[in-house]
Every structure is written in structure tokens, then in C-alpha cells.
């Protein structure tokens, strides 16, 4: 059975991630390198193409210098 996820949630999460990333002056590539993923990973999250594990949310938050809950404030 294929894994399903909420497009609405992921779209809002991606928009919030993009906002915080740009606020910190980081490119998608810079953030990807910071968390040890390939260049397209952040793009896929910001465009609601990927599900995001909690461990990755924590890594992204640390790289952005925010608390994990701040990524979910939408």
C-alpha cells in the first residue's frame, strides 16, 4: 500500500520552510548541504513533493537556528 500524506499540510509546511530559509538568507542548496542531503531535497519539501520525518524537521530547524515547532507555525 502506498504511503499517503496530506498535501495541504505539506504545502503549508513547505511555504513556512521557504519563508524561514529566505529570512536567514540561505539558498536551497546551502540548506541541503547543511543538513547533509542532495540539492533537490529542500526543493521537494518546499513544493510538497516529499513527506518529512520528524528527525529531518529537527535537523532543518537546527540549521535554520529555530526551534522545531517554529516550522509548524502556519
Protein backbone atom coordinates (compact mmCIF):
# COMPACT_ATOMS: atom_id res chain seq x y z
CA UNK A 1 0.00 0.00 0.00
CA UNK A 2 1.37 3.39 -0.98
CA UNK A 3 2.09 5.91 1.73
CA UNK A 4 -0.26 8.89 1.64
CA UNK A 5 0.30 12.29 3.14
CA UNK A 6 -1.69 15.48 3.49
CA UNK A 7 -0.88 17.78 0.57
CA UNK A 8 -2.42 20.73 2.43
CA UNK A 9 -0.19 20.19 5.48
CA UNK A 10 2.91 19.64 3.37
CA UNK A 11 2.20 22.68 1.22
CA UNK A 12 1.87 24.89 4.32
CA UNK A 13 5.00 23.35 5.83
CA UNK A 14 6.90 23.99 2.60
CA UNK A 15 5.78 27.61 2.50
CA UNK A 16 6.86 28.10 6.10
CA UNK A 17 10.22 26.45 5.41
CA UNK A 18 10.77 28.71 2.39
CA UNK A 19 9.90 31.80 4.43
CA UNK A 20 12.32 30.91 7.25
CA UNK A 21 15.07 29.87 4.82
CA UNK A 22 14.86 33.15 2.92
CA UNK A 23 14.69 35.09 6.18
CA UNK A 24 18.04 33.51 7.12
CA UNK A 25 19.45 34.31 3.67
CA UNK A 26 20.06 30.68 2.69
CA UNK A 27 19.63 29.09 -0.71
CA UNK A 28 18.01 25.68 -1.05
CA UNK A 29 21.43 24.26 -1.89
CA UNK A 30 23.06 25.78 1.20
CA UNK A 31 20.36 24.40 3.48
CA UNK A 32 20.57 20.98 1.82
CA UNK A 33 24.33 20.89 2.37
CA UNK A 34 23.87 21.99 5.98
CA UNK A 35 21.61 19.00 6.73
CA UNK A 36 23.53 16.52 4.57
CA UNK A 37 21.05 15.90 1.76
CA UNK A 38 21.12 16.28 -2.01
CA UNK A 39 20.37 19.62 -3.66
CA UNK A 40 16.78 18.78 -4.61
CA UNK A 41 15.67 17.72 -1.11
CA UNK A 42 14.70 21.20 0.13
CA UNK A 43 13.01 22.00 -3.18
CA UNK A 44 10.94 18.83 -2.90
CA UNK A 45 9.85 19.75 0.63
CA UNK A 46 9.04 23.34 -0.27
CA UNK A 47 6.95 22.14 -3.21
CA UNK A 48 5.09 19.49 -1.16
CA UNK A 49 6.58 16.53 -3.03
CA UNK A 50 8.08 14.72 -0.03
CA UNK A 51 6.90 13.52 3.33
CA UNK A 52 9.16 14.81 6.12
CA UNK A 53 10.32 12.63 9.02
CA UNK A 54 10.48 14.25 12.45
CA UNK A 55 14.22 13.67 12.64
CA UNK A 56 14.66 15.73 9.46
CA UNK A 57 12.43 18.51 10.80
CA UNK A 58 14.76 18.70 13.80
CA UNK A 59 17.85 18.89 11.54
CA UNK A 60 16.28 21.62 9.41
CA UNK A 61 15.30 23.62 12.50
CA UNK A 62 18.85 23.43 13.87
CA UNK A 63 20.29 24.52 10.52
CA UNK A 64 17.91 27.50 10.45
CA UNK A 65 18.58 28.37 14.09
CA UNK A 66 14.96 27.95 15.14
CA UNK A 67 13.01 25.58 17.36
CA UNK A 68 11.29 22.69 15.51
CA UNK A 69 7.83 23.97 16.48
CA UNK A 70 8.55 27.21 14.58
CA UNK A 71 8.48 25.25 11.32
CA UNK A 72 4.91 24.25 12.17
CA UNK A 73 3.59 27.74 12.95
CA UNK A 74 1.30 28.25 9.94
